[in-house]
Amino acid sequence: MKLSHTLALSLPLASGWAMAADLSVKFELPQLNVAEYHKPYVAVWIERADQTVASNLSLLYDVKKKDNAGEKWVKDLRTWWRKAGRDAKLPIDGVSGATRAAGTHTLSFGPAVNGLDKLPAGDYKLVIEAAREAGGRELVKVPFAWPAKGKLAANAAGKEELGAVSVQIQ
């Protein structure tokens, strides 16, 4: 089942290239009451207004599985896979990391990470997708304008595989 949630957010734009900023993504992976719980694979990326990928921020999967067997299930992150994953060589340096257990997690990205400092001014969406073996899949989108003048905070929430999602730009 594909669920998509969007929170609208608009900030003033500056002309030209974006200025440096720190971006932080906080997300909740709910503990589900199921017989066999598997940690979800999670992809976090920034999408342009035309829905192409502007920057891959994070890909969390079973990176330590013997013989790279964890890569086999990355395609279950179907939206990310179609947009960026099938052309990527895994693991992606500076992007790939281990899956996370149920709970609240924060990922932080400095201005030079993943090209954020070169992101042109415009409208974007932070997208987070989670997929779990023997479970569901969910996608949450948080629109924002880049660069942010001052601090930006936006929140959204999933309903099954993702809980609360918040984005902060400073």
N, C-alpha and C. Protein backbone atom coordinates (compact mmCIF):
# COMPACT_ATOMS: atom_id res chain seq x y z
N MET A 1 0.84 -1.16 0.00
CA MET A 1 0.00 0.00 0.00
C MET A 1 0.89 1.24 0.00
N LYS A 2 0.59 2.17 -0.88
CA LYS A 2 1.37 3.40 -0.96
C LYS A 2 0.58 4.52 -0.33
N LEU A 3 1.15 5.16 0.64
CA LEU A 3 0.54 6.32 1.26
C LEU A 3 1.46 7.49 1.05
N SER A 4 0.89 8.63 0.75
CA SER A 4 1.70 9.82 0.57
C SER A 4 1.05 10.97 1.33
N HIS A 5 1.84 11.69 2.08
CA HIS A 5 1.35 12.80 2.87
C HIS A 5 2.19 14.02 2.54
N THR A 6 1.54 15.16 2.43
CA THR A 6 2.25 16.37 2.06
C THR A 6 1.85 17.50 3.00
N LEU A 7 2.82 18.31 3.38
CA LEU A 7 2.58 19.51 4.17
C LEU A 7 3.05 20.69 3.33
N ALA A 8 2.18 21.66 3.12
CA ALA A 8 2.55 22.81 2.30
C ALA A 8 3.32 23.82 3.12
N LEU A 9 4.35 24.38 2.52
CA LEU A 9 5.18 25.36 3.20
C LEU A 9 5.77 26.27 2.13
N SER A 10 5.77 27.55 2.35
CA SER A 10 6.33 28.46 1.37
C SER A 10 7.14 29.53 2.08
N LEU A 11 8.33 29.77 1.56
CA LEU A 11 9.20 30.81 2.10
C LEU A 11 9.65 31.70 0.96
N PRO A 12 10.05 32.94 1.24
CA PRO A 12 10.54 33.82 0.20
C PRO A 12 11.79 33.24 -0.47
N LEU A 13 11.95 33.49 -1.74
CA LEU A 13 13.11 33.03 -2.49
C LEU A 13 14.10 34.16 -2.71
N ALA A 14 15.34 33.81 -2.78
CA ALA A 14 16.37 34.76 -3.16
C ALA A 14 16.78 34.43 -4.59
N SER A 15 17.25 35.38 -5.33
CA SER A 15 17.66 35.08 -6.70
C SER A 15 19.04 34.46 -6.71
N GLY A 16 19.33 33.71 -7.76
CA GLY A 16 20.64 33.10 -7.90
C GLY A 16 20.78 31.82 -7.12
N TRP A 17 22.00 31.52 -6.73
CA TRP A 17 22.30 30.27 -6.04
C TRP A 17 21.99 30.38 -4.56
N ALA A 18 21.67 29.25 -3.98
CA ALA A 18 21.33 29.20 -2.56
C ALA A 18 22.56 29.48 -1.71
N MET A 19 22.31 30.00 -0.54
CA MET A 19 23.39 30.23 0.39
C MET A 19 23.52 29.00 1.28
N ALA A 20 24.63 28.87 1.94
CA ALA A 20 24.88 27.71 2.79
C ALA A 20 23.86 27.65 3.93
N ALA A 21 23.44 26.43 4.26
CA ALA A 21 22.50 26.23 5.35
C ALA A 21 22.65 24.81 5.87
N ASP A 22 22.31 24.63 7.14
CA ASP A 22 22.28 23.30 7.72
C ASP A 22 20.86 22.78 7.64
N LEU A 23 20.72 21.51 7.25
CA LEU A 23 19.42 20.89 7.13
C LEU A 23 19.37 19.70 8.08
N SER A 24 18.29 19.59 8.83
CA SER A 24 18.12 18.51 9.78
C SER A 24 16.76 17.85 9.55
N VAL A 25 16.76 16.52 9.53
CA VAL A 25 15.53 15.76 9.33
C VAL A 25 15.35 14.85 10.55
N LYS A 26 14.22 15.01 11.22
CA LYS A 26 13.90 14.17 12.37
C LYS A 26 12.69 13.32 11.97
N PHE A 27 12.80 12.00 12.19
CA PHE A 27 11.69 11.13 11.80
C PHE A 27 11.50 10.01 12.81
N GLU A 28 10.27 9.55 12.87
CA GLU A 28 9.92 8.48 13.79
C GLU A 28 9.62 7.21 13.02
N LEU A 29 10.21 6.11 13.49
CA LEU A 29 9.88 4.78 12.98
C LEU A 29 9.06 4.11 14.08
N PRO A 30 7.75 3.95 13.87
CA PRO A 30 6.92 3.40 14.94
C PRO A 30 7.20 1.92 15.19
N GLN A 31 7.07 1.51 16.45
CA GLN A 31 7.16 0.09 16.79
C GLN A 31 5.80 -0.51 16.46
N LEU A 32 5.78 -1.43 15.53
CA LEU A 32 4.53 -2.04 15.11
C LEU A 32 4.30 -3.34 15.87
N ASN A 33 3.07 -3.60 16.20
CA ASN A 33 2.73 -4.81 16.93
C ASN A 33 2.46 -5.93 15.92
N VAL A 34 3.54 -6.54 15.45
CA VAL A 34 3.45 -7.62 14.46
C VAL A 34 4.28 -8.80 14.95
N ALA A 35 3.99 -9.97 14.42
CA ALA A 35 4.68 -11.19 14.86
C ALA A 35 6.18 -11.12 14.59
N GLU A 36 6.56 -10.63 13.42
CA GLU A 36 7.97 -10.58 13.03
C GLU A 36 8.29 -9.17 12.54
N TYR A 37 8.94 -8.37 13.41
CA TYR A 37 9.27 -6.99 13.06
C TYR A 37 10.64 -6.92 12.41
N HIS A 38 10.71 -6.28 11.26
CA HIS A 38 11.98 -6.04 10.58
C HIS A 38 12.21 -4.53 10.54
N LYS A 39 13.44 -4.11 10.77
CA LYS A 39 13.78 -2.69 10.67
C LYS A 39 13.53 -2.24 9.23
N PRO A 40 12.90 -1.10 9.04
CA PRO A 40 12.61 -0.64 7.68
C PRO A 40 13.85 -0.08 6.99
N TYR A 41 13.86 -0.19 5.68
CA TYR A 41 14.82 0.53 4.85
C TYR A 41 14.22 1.92 4.67
N VAL A 42 15.08 2.94 4.66
CA VAL A 42 14.61 4.32 4.59
C VAL A 42 15.47 5.09 3.59
N ALA A 43 14.82 5.85 2.71
CA ALA A 43 15.52 6.75 1.79
C ALA A 43 15.03 8.17 2.06
N VAL A 44 15.96 9.12 2.06
CA VAL A 44 15.64 10.54 2.25
C VAL A 44 16.32 11.29 1.12
N TRP A 45 15.53 12.11 0.39
CA TRP A 45 16.10 12.87 -0.70
C TRP A 45 15.35 14.18 -0.88
N ILE A 46 15.96 15.07 -1.69
CA ILE A 46 15.33 16.33 -2.04
C ILE A 46 14.91 16.24 -3.50
N GLU A 47 13.66 16.61 -3.75
CA GLU A 47 13.09 16.58 -5.10
C GLU A 47 12.86 18.00 -5.60
N ARG A 48 13.15 18.19 -6.89
CA ARG A 48 12.85 19.47 -7.54
C ARG A 48 11.34 19.55 -7.81
N ALA A 49 10.88 20.71 -8.27
CA ALA A 49 9.47 20.91 -8.58
C ALA A 49 8.99 19.94 -9.67
N ASP A 50 9.90 19.53 -10.57
CA ASP A 50 9.52 18.59 -11.63
C ASP A 50 9.62 17.12 -11.18
N GLN A 51 9.82 16.89 -9.89
CA GLN A 51 9.89 15.59 -9.24
C GLN A 51 11.15 14.78 -9.56
N THR A 52 12.18 15.42 -10.11
CA THR A 52 13.47 14.75 -10.27
C THR A 52 14.27 14.93 -8.99
N VAL A 53 15.25 14.07 -8.78
CA VAL A 53 16.04 14.10 -7.55
C VAL A 53 17.12 15.18 -7.65
N ALA A 54 17.09 16.12 -6.70
CA ALA A 54 18.11 17.16 -6.63
C ALA A 54 19.29 16.70 -5.79
N SER A 55 19.02 15.89 -4.75
CA SER A 55 20.09 15.42 -3.87
C SER A 55 19.62 14.20 -3.08
N ASN A 56 20.43 13.15 -3.08
CA ASN A 56 20.21 12.01 -2.20
C ASN A 56 20.83 12.36 -0.86
N LEU A 57 20.05 12.34 0.21
CA LEU A 57 20.57 12.69 1.52
C LEU A 57 20.95 11.47 2.33
N SER A 58 20.10 10.44 2.33
CA SER A 58 20.38 9.27 3.15
C SER A 58 19.68 8.04 2.59
N LEU A 59 20.36 6.91 2.68
CA LEU A 59 19.79 5.61 2.32
C LEU A 59 20.17 4.64 3.42
N LEU A 60 19.19 4.24 4.21
CA LEU A 60 19.43 3.37 5.36
C LEU A 60 18.95 1.97 5.02
N TYR A 61 19.88 1.02 4.99
CA TYR A 61 19.53 -0.37 4.70
C TYR A 61 20.53 -1.28 5.37
N ASP A 62 20.38 -2.58 5.20
CA ASP A 62 21.25 -3.55 5.86
C ASP A 62 22.59 -3.61 5.12
N VAL A 63 23.45 -2.63 5.38
CA VAL A 63 24.72 -2.50 4.67
C VAL A 63 25.74 -3.57 5.04
N LYS A 64 25.57 -4.22 6.19
CA LYS A 64 26.56 -5.20 6.64
C LYS A 64 26.16 -6.64 6.35
N LYS A 65 25.07 -6.84 5.63
CA LYS A 65 24.65 -8.20 5.32
C LYS A 65 25.68 -8.86 4.42
N LYS A 66 25.96 -10.12 4.68
CA LYS A 66 26.99 -10.86 3.96
C LYS A 66 26.74 -10.83 2.45
N ASP A 67 27.82 -10.65 1.70
CA ASP A 67 27.80 -10.62 0.23
C ASP A 67 26.86 -9.54 -0.32
N ASN A 68 26.74 -8.43 0.39
CA ASN A 68 25.88 -7.31 -0.03
C ASN A 68 24.44 -7.72 -0.25
N ALA A 69 23.96 -8.73 0.45
CA ALA A 69 22.59 -9.23 0.27
C ALA A 69 21.54 -8.19 0.64
N GLY A 70 21.89 -7.23 1.50
CA GLY A 70 20.94 -6.18 1.87
C GLY A 70 20.55 -5.30 0.69
N GLU A 71 21.43 -5.20 -0.30
CA GLU A 71 21.14 -4.37 -1.48
C GLU A 71 19.95 -4.92 -2.28
N LYS A 72 19.72 -6.21 -2.18
CA LYS A 72 18.63 -6.85 -2.94
C LYS A 72 17.28 -6.21 -2.61
N TRP A 73 17.09 -5.80 -1.36
CA TRP A 73 15.79 -5.31 -0.91
C TRP A 73 15.66 -3.79 -1.01
N VAL A 74 16.72 -3.10 -1.41
CA VAL A 74 16.65 -1.64 -1.55
C VAL A 74 15.59 -1.25 -2.59
N LYS A 75 15.36 -2.11 -3.59
CA LYS A 75 14.35 -1.78 -4.61
C LYS A 75 12.94 -1.73 -4.04
N ASP A 76 12.74 -2.22 -2.80
CA ASP A 76 11.43 -2.08 -2.17
C ASP A 76 11.11 -0.63 -1.83
N LEU A 77 12.14 0.22 -1.81
CA LEU A 77 11.93 1.67 -1.71
C LEU A 77 11.59 2.12 -3.13
N ARG A 78 10.42 1.75 -3.61
CA ARG A 78 10.08 1.85 -5.03
C ARG A 78 10.18 3.24 -5.63
N THR A 79 9.70 4.24 -4.93
CA THR A 79 9.75 5.58 -5.49
C THR A 79 11.19 6.05 -5.64
N TRP A 80 11.98 5.90 -4.55
CA TRP A 80 13.39 6.30 -4.62
C TRP A 80 14.12 5.47 -5.67
N TRP A 81 13.85 4.17 -5.71
CA TRP A 81 14.54 3.28 -6.64
C TRP A 81 14.33 3.73 -8.09
N ARG A 82 13.08 4.06 -8.45
CA ARG A 82 12.80 4.48 -9.83
C ARG A 82 13.44 5.82 -10.16
N LYS A 83 13.51 6.71 -9.17
CA LYS A 83 14.04 8.05 -9.42
C LYS A 83 15.56 8.13 -9.36
N ALA A 84 16.20 7.35 -8.48
CA ALA A 84 17.64 7.50 -8.28
C ALA A 84 18.38 6.20 -8.03
N GLY A 85 17.74 5.23 -7.45
CA GLY A 85 18.42 4.04 -7.00
C GLY A 85 18.94 3.12 -8.08
N ARG A 86 18.16 2.92 -9.11
CA ARG A 86 18.59 1.95 -10.14
C ARG A 86 19.86 2.39 -10.86
N ASP A 87 20.16 3.69 -10.84
CA ASP A 87 21.38 4.19 -11.48
C ASP A 87 22.53 4.38 -10.49
N ALA A 88 22.27 4.11 -9.22
CA ALA A 88 23.29 4.32 -8.18
C ALA A 88 24.13 3.07 -7.98
N LYS A 89 25.38 3.29 -7.62
CA LYS A 89 26.26 2.19 -7.25
C LYS A 89 26.27 2.13 -5.72
N LEU A 90 25.73 1.04 -5.18
CA LEU A 90 25.61 0.90 -3.73
C LEU A 90 26.85 0.26 -3.13
N PRO A 91 27.22 0.62 -1.93
CA PRO A 91 26.68 1.71 -1.12
C PRO A 91 27.11 3.06 -1.69
N ILE A 92 26.28 4.06 -1.47
CA ILE A 92 26.57 5.41 -1.94
C ILE A 92 27.40 6.11 -0.86
N ASP A 93 28.61 6.51 -1.20
CA ASP A 93 29.53 7.14 -0.26
C ASP A 93 28.90 8.37 0.38
N GLY A 94 28.90 8.41 1.69
CA GLY A 94 28.37 9.56 2.41
C GLY A 94 26.86 9.60 2.51
N VAL A 95 26.17 8.62 1.92
CA VAL A 95 24.71 8.59 1.91
C VAL A 95 24.20 7.32 2.58
N SER A 96 24.80 6.18 2.24
CA SER A 96 24.33 4.89 2.76
C SER A 96 24.72 4.71 4.22
N GLY A 97 23.81 4.07 4.96
CA GLY A 97 24.07 3.77 6.36
C GLY A 97 23.19 2.63 6.82
N ALA A 98 23.38 2.22 8.06
CA ALA A 98 22.64 1.08 8.61
C ALA A 98 21.19 1.44 8.90
N THR A 99 20.33 0.41 8.87
CA THR A 99 18.93 0.59 9.22
C THR A 99 18.84 1.06 10.67
N ARG A 100 17.70 1.58 11.03
CA ARG A 100 17.47 2.07 12.39
C ARG A 100 16.32 1.29 13.03
N ALA A 101 16.40 1.10 14.32
CA ALA A 101 15.34 0.45 15.08
C ALA A 101 14.18 1.42 15.28
N ALA A 102 13.07 0.90 15.75
CA ALA A 102 11.92 1.76 16.06
C ALA A 102 12.36 2.85 17.03
N GLY A 103 11.83 4.05 16.84
CA GLY A 103 12.19 5.18 17.68
C GLY A 103 12.30 6.45 16.85
N THR A 104 12.80 7.52 17.46
CA THR A 104 12.96 8.80 16.79
C THR A 104 14.43 8.99 16.44
N HIS A 105 14.68 9.41 15.21
CA HIS A 105 16.05 9.54 14.71
C HIS A 105 16.22 10.90 14.04
N THR A 106 17.43 11.45 14.12
CA THR A 106 17.74 12.73 13.49
C THR A 106 18.94 12.56 12.57
N LEU A 107 18.80 13.06 11.36
CA LEU A 107 19.89 13.10 10.39
C LEU A 107 20.20 14.57 10.13
N SER A 108 21.47 14.94 10.18
CA SER A 108 21.87 16.33 9.96
C SER A 108 22.82 16.41 8.78
N PHE A 109 22.66 17.48 8.00
CA PHE A 109 23.46 17.66 6.80
C PHE A 109 23.98 19.09 6.77
N GLY A 110 25.30 19.23 6.68
CA GLY A 110 25.93 20.55 6.59
C GLY A 110 25.79 21.09 5.17
N PRO A 111 26.16 22.34 4.96
CA PRO A 111 25.97 22.98 3.67
C PRO A 111 26.73 22.32 2.52
N ALA A 112 27.88 21.75 2.78
CA ALA A 112 28.66 21.15 1.69
C ALA A 112 28.29 19.69 1.44
N VAL A 113 27.41 19.12 2.28
CA VAL A 113 27.03 17.72 2.13
C VAL A 113 26.04 17.56 0.99
N ASN A 114 26.32 16.61 0.11
CA ASN A 114 25.41 16.22 -0.96
C ASN A 114 24.99 17.38 -1.85
N GLY A 115 25.83 18.39 -1.98
CA GLY A 115 25.56 19.49 -2.90
C GLY A 115 24.54 20.50 -2.42
N LEU A 116 24.20 20.50 -1.15
CA LEU A 116 23.21 21.46 -0.65
C LEU A 116 23.66 22.89 -0.86
N ASP A 117 24.97 23.13 -0.78
CA ASP A 117 25.47 24.49 -0.96
C ASP A 117 25.37 24.96 -2.41
N LYS A 118 25.13 24.05 -3.33
CA LYS A 118 25.01 24.41 -4.75
C LYS A 118 23.57 24.31 -5.25
N LEU A 119 22.64 24.06 -4.36
CA LEU A 119 21.24 23.92 -4.74
C LEU A 119 20.70 25.28 -5.18
N PRO A 120 20.23 25.39 -6.43
CA PRO A 120 19.70 26.68 -6.89
C PRO A 120 18.43 27.07 -6.13
N ALA A 121 18.16 28.35 -6.07
CA ALA A 121 16.94 28.82 -5.43
C ALA A 121 15.74 28.23 -6.16
N GLY A 122 14.74 27.85 -5.41
CA GLY A 122 13.54 27.30 -6.02
C GLY A 122 12.68 26.54 -5.03
N ASP A 123 11.65 25.90 -5.56
CA ASP A 123 10.73 25.10 -4.75
C ASP A 123 11.15 23.64 -4.78
N TYR A 124 11.20 23.02 -3.62
CA TYR A 124 11.65 21.63 -3.47
C TYR A 124 10.73 20.89 -2.52
N LYS A 125 10.94 19.58 -2.45
CA LYS A 125 10.27 18.75 -1.45
C LYS A 125 11.31 17.85 -0.82
N LEU A 126 11.29 17.77 0.50
CA LEU A 126 12.06 16.76 1.19
C LEU A 126 11.16 15.53 1.19
N VAL A 127 11.69 14.41 0.73
CA VAL A 127 10.90 13.18 0.63
C VAL A 127 11.57 12.11 1.48
N ILE A 128 10.76 11.40 2.25
CA ILE A 128 11.26 10.28 3.04
C ILE A 128 10.35 9.09 2.74
N GLU A 129 10.98 7.96 2.42
CA GLU A 129 10.24 6.75 2.10
C GLU A 129 10.76 5.62 2.99
N ALA A 130 9.85 4.83 3.53
CA ALA A 130 10.21 3.68 4.36
C ALA A 130 9.51 2.44 3.81
N ALA A 131 10.24 1.33 3.80
CA ALA A 131 9.68 0.04 3.38
C ALA A 131 10.23 -1.03 4.32
N ARG A 132 9.36 -1.95 4.70
CA ARG A 132 9.75 -2.97 5.66
C ARG A 132 9.41 -4.35 5.13
N GLU A 133 10.35 -5.29 5.28
CA GLU A 133 10.12 -6.67 4.88
C GLU A 133 8.91 -7.21 5.62
N ALA A 134 8.02 -7.88 4.89
CA ALA A 134 6.79 -8.43 5.45
C ALA A 134 5.94 -7.31 6.05
N GLY A 135 6.09 -6.11 5.54
CA GLY A 135 5.34 -4.97 6.05
C GLY A 135 4.91 -4.07 4.92
N GLY A 136 4.68 -2.83 5.23
CA GLY A 136 4.19 -1.88 4.25
C GLY A 136 5.27 -0.95 3.76
N ARG A 137 4.81 0.05 3.04
CA ARG A 137 5.68 1.06 2.46
C ARG A 137 4.95 2.38 2.60
N GLU A 138 5.70 3.44 2.89
CA GLU A 138 5.07 4.75 3.06
C GLU A 138 6.00 5.85 2.61
N LEU A 139 5.40 6.91 2.11
CA LEU A 139 6.12 8.06 1.58
C LEU A 139 5.54 9.32 2.20
N VAL A 140 6.41 10.21 2.69
CA VAL A 140 5.98 11.50 3.24
C VAL A 140 6.78 12.58 2.53
N LYS A 141 6.08 13.64 2.08
CA LYS A 141 6.73 14.76 1.40
C LYS A 141 6.51 16.05 2.19
N VAL A 142 7.58 16.85 2.29
CA VAL A 142 7.50 18.13 2.98
C VAL A 142 8.03 19.20 2.02
N PRO A 143 7.15 19.99 1.39
CA PRO A 143 7.59 21.04 0.47
C PRO A 143 8.27 22.20 1.21
N PHE A 144 9.24 22.81 0.52
CA PHE A 144 9.90 23.99 1.07
C PHE A 144 10.51 24.79 -0.07
N ALA A 145 10.76 26.06 0.20
CA ALA A 145 11.44 26.93 -0.76
C ALA A 145 12.89 27.08 -0.30
N TRP A 146 13.81 27.09 -1.25
CA TRP A 146 15.23 27.19 -0.96
C TRP A 146 15.78 28.40 -1.65
N PRO A 147 16.57 29.23 -1.04
CA PRO A 147 17.06 29.14 0.32
C PRO A 147 16.03 29.67 1.31
N ALA A 148 16.14 29.22 2.52
CA ALA A 148 15.28 29.71 3.60
C ALA A 148 15.92 30.98 4.15
N LYS A 149 15.10 31.97 4.37
CA LYS A 149 15.59 33.18 5.03
C LYS A 149 15.32 33.01 6.51
N GLY A 150 16.37 32.95 7.29
CA GLY A 150 16.21 32.67 8.71
C GLY A 150 16.02 31.18 8.92
N LYS A 151 15.29 30.82 9.96
CA LYS A 151 15.08 29.41 10.28
C LYS A 151 13.78 28.92 9.65
N LEU A 152 13.77 27.67 9.25
CA LEU A 152 12.58 27.04 8.70
C LEU A 152 12.30 25.79 9.52
N ALA A 153 11.07 25.58 9.88
CA ALA A 153 10.67 24.34 10.54
C ALA A 153 9.35 23.89 9.93
N ALA A 154 9.28 22.65 9.49
CA ALA A 154 8.08 22.10 8.89
C ALA A 154 7.87 20.69 9.41
N ASN A 155 6.61 20.33 9.58
CA ASN A 155 6.28 19.02 10.12
C ASN A 155 5.26 18.32 9.25
N ALA A 156 5.31 17.00 9.24
CA ALA A 156 4.33 16.16 8.57
C ALA A 156 4.32 14.84 9.33
N ALA A 157 3.43 13.94 8.96
CA ALA A 157 3.39 12.66 9.67
C ALA A 157 2.88 11.57 8.74
N GLY A 158 3.45 10.39 8.91
CA GLY A 158 2.96 9.22 8.23
C GLY A 158 1.88 8.57 9.07
N LYS A 159 1.37 7.45 8.58
CA LYS A 159 0.30 6.78 9.30
C LYS A 159 0.63 5.35 9.68
N GLU A 160 1.61 4.73 9.01
CA GLU A 160 1.91 3.33 9.30
C GLU A 160 3.40 3.08 9.49
N GLU A 161 4.17 3.17 8.45
CA GLU A 161 5.61 2.86 8.50
C GLU A 161 6.44 4.03 9.00
N LEU A 162 5.88 5.23 8.91
CA LEU A 162 6.55 6.44 9.40
C LEU A 162 5.63 7.15 10.38
N GLY A 163 6.19 7.75 11.39
CA GLY A 163 5.43 8.57 12.32
C GLY A 163 5.68 10.03 11.98
N ALA A 164 5.97 10.82 12.98
CA ALA A 164 6.23 12.26 12.80
C ALA A 164 7.51 12.47 12.00
N VAL A 165 7.46 13.45 11.10
CA VAL A 165 8.62 13.85 10.30
C VAL A 165 8.74 15.36 10.43
N SER A 166 9.94 15.85 10.76
CA SER A 166 10.14 17.29 10.81
C SER A 166 11.43 17.64 10.08
N VAL A 167 11.41 18.81 9.47
CA VAL A 167 12.54 19.33 8.72
C VAL A 167 12.88 20.69 9.30
N GLN A 168 14.17 20.91 9.55
CA GLN A 168 14.63 22.21 10.02
C GLN A 168 15.79 22.67 9.15
N ILE A 169 15.73 23.92 8.75
CA ILE A 169 16.82 24.51 7.97
C ILE A 169 17.24 25.77 8.71
N GLN A 170 18.58 25.90 8.92
CA GLN A 170 19.11 27.08 9.60
C GLN A 170 20.17 27.72 8.74
